[in-house]
Amino acid sequence: MKPHGGETFLVQIRNTQNATWQGTVAWTDGRKQETFRSALELIKLIDSVLSTGESGDDQQDG
């Protein structure tokens, strides 16, 4: 079992508008990519992955 905290993310900031970031975050292990519209949304995306343990090895639909 892989311990939590071993995930790697690639964050690309494409724009800064309304005093926050917009861009994409990619899971390097899971080959998944999501867009985000604010820094808070980015943090929530990363937190959801870390709290569920979702990575490329145990990716689930939905």
C-alpha atoms as a PDB file:
ATOM      1  CA  MET A   1       0.000   0.000   0.000  1.00  0.00           C
ATOM      2  CA  LYS A   2       1.356   3.412  -0.987  1.00  0.00           C
ATOM      3  CA  PRO A   3       1.476   5.912   1.896  1.00  0.00           C
ATOM      4  CA  HIS A   4      -0.350   9.231   1.473  1.00  0.00           C
ATOM      5  CA  GLY A   5       1.746  12.239   0.567  1.00  0.00           C
ATOM      6  CA  GLY A   6       3.594  10.528  -2.284  1.00  0.00           C
ATOM      7  CA  GLU A   7       1.496  12.053  -5.052  1.00  0.00           C
ATOM      8  CA  THR A   8       3.042  14.516  -7.482  1.00  0.00           C
ATOM      9  CA  PHE A   9       1.144  17.309  -9.195  1.00  0.00           C
ATOM     10  CA  LEU A  10       2.118  19.591 -12.040  1.00  0.00           C
ATOM     11  CA  VAL A  11       0.430  23.002 -11.698  1.00  0.00           C
ATOM     12  CA  GLN A  12       0.349  25.380 -14.646  1.00  0.00           C
ATOM     13  CA  ILE A  13      -0.891  28.923 -14.030  1.00  0.00           C
ATOM     14  CA  ARG A  14      -2.359  30.239 -17.278  1.00  0.00           C
ATOM     15  CA  ASN A  15      -3.886  33.491 -16.064  1.00  0.00           C
ATOM     16  CA  THR A  16      -4.322  35.679 -13.012  1.00  0.00           C
ATOM     17  CA  GLN A  17      -7.655  37.433 -12.785  1.00  0.00           C
ATOM     18  CA  ASN A  18      -9.721  38.778  -9.872  1.00  0.00           C
ATOM     19  CA  ALA A  19      -6.676  38.423  -7.576  1.00  0.00           C
ATOM     20  CA  THR A  20      -6.472  34.634  -8.007  1.00  0.00           C
ATOM     21  CA  TRP A  21      -5.047  31.957 -10.326  1.00  0.00           C
ATOM     22  CA  GLN A  22      -6.606  30.083 -13.225  1.00  0.00           C
ATOM     23  CA  GLY A  23      -4.914  27.142 -14.887  1.00  0.00           C
ATOM     24  CA  THR A  24      -4.522  23.383 -14.928  1.00  0.00           C
ATOM     25  CA  VAL A  25      -3.332  20.766 -12.481  1.00  0.00           C
ATOM     26  CA  ALA A  26      -2.110  17.380 -13.700  1.00  0.00           C
ATOM     27  CA  TRP A  27      -1.635  14.202 -11.709  1.00  0.00           C
ATOM     28  CA  THR A  28       1.691  12.812 -12.885  1.00  0.00           C
ATOM     29  CA  ASP A  29       0.956   9.265 -11.694  1.00  0.00           C
ATOM     30  CA  GLY A  30      -2.675   9.137 -12.810  1.00  0.00           C
ATOM     31  CA  ARG A  31      -2.256  10.877 -16.157  1.00  0.00           C
ATOM     32  CA  LYS A  32      -5.311  12.990 -15.288  1.00  0.00           C
ATOM     33  CA  GLN A  33      -5.697  16.725 -15.793  1.00  0.00           C
ATOM     34  CA  GLU A  34      -8.249  19.194 -14.419  1.00  0.00           C
ATOM     35  CA  THR A  35      -8.742  22.914 -14.864  1.00  0.00           C
ATOM     36  CA  PHE A  36      -9.269  25.256 -11.931  1.00  0.00           C
ATOM     37  CA  ARG A  37     -10.688  28.783 -11.749  1.00  0.00           C
ATOM     38  CA  SER A  38      -9.247  29.876  -8.407  1.00  0.00           C
ATOM     39  CA  ALA A  39      -6.506  29.049  -5.944  1.00  0.00           C
ATOM     40  CA  LEU A  40      -9.173  27.716  -3.577  1.00  0.00           C
ATOM     41  CA  GLU A  41     -10.470  25.344  -6.263  1.00  0.00           C
ATOM     42  CA  LEU A  42      -6.884  24.165  -6.886  1.00  0.00           C
ATOM     43  CA  ILE A  43      -6.428  23.428  -3.183  1.00  0.00           C
ATOM     44  CA  LYS A  44      -9.747  21.548  -3.062  1.00  0.00           C
ATOM     45  CA  LEU A  45      -8.772  19.415  -6.086  1.00  0.00           C
ATOM     46  CA  ILE A  46      -5.436  18.466  -4.548  1.00  0.00           C
ATOM     47  CA  ASP A  47      -7.004  17.859  -1.135  1.00  0.00           C
ATOM     48  CA  SER A  48      -9.656  15.562  -2.609  1.00  0.00           C
ATOM     49  CA  VAL A  49      -6.957  13.422  -4.203  1.00  0.00           C
ATOM     50  CA  LEU A  50      -4.893  13.256  -1.029  1.00  0.00           C
ATOM     51  CA  SER A  51      -7.873  12.478   1.216  1.00  0.00           C
ATOM     52  CA  THR A  52      -9.289   9.736  -1.053  1.00  0.00           C
ATOM     53  CA  GLY A  53      -5.908   8.319  -2.015  1.00  0.00           C
ATOM     54  CA  GLU A  54      -6.885   8.419  -5.697  1.00  0.00           C
ATOM     55  CA  SER A  55      -3.881   7.988  -7.970  1.00  0.00           C
ATOM     56  CA  GLY A  56      -3.028   6.276 -11.232  1.00  0.00           C
ATOM     57  CA  ASP A  57      -2.952   2.843  -9.576  1.00  0.00           C
ATOM     58  CA  ASP A  58      -6.469   2.959  -8.105  1.00  0.00           C
ATOM     59  CA  GLN A  59      -8.331   5.475 -10.251  1.00  0.00           C
ATOM     60  CA  GLN A  60     -12.122   5.303  -9.998  1.00  0.00           C
ATOM     61  CA  ASP A  61     -14.817   6.670 -12.287  1.00  0.00           C
ATOM     62  CA  GLY A  62     -17.121   9.429 -11.027  1.00  0.00           C
END
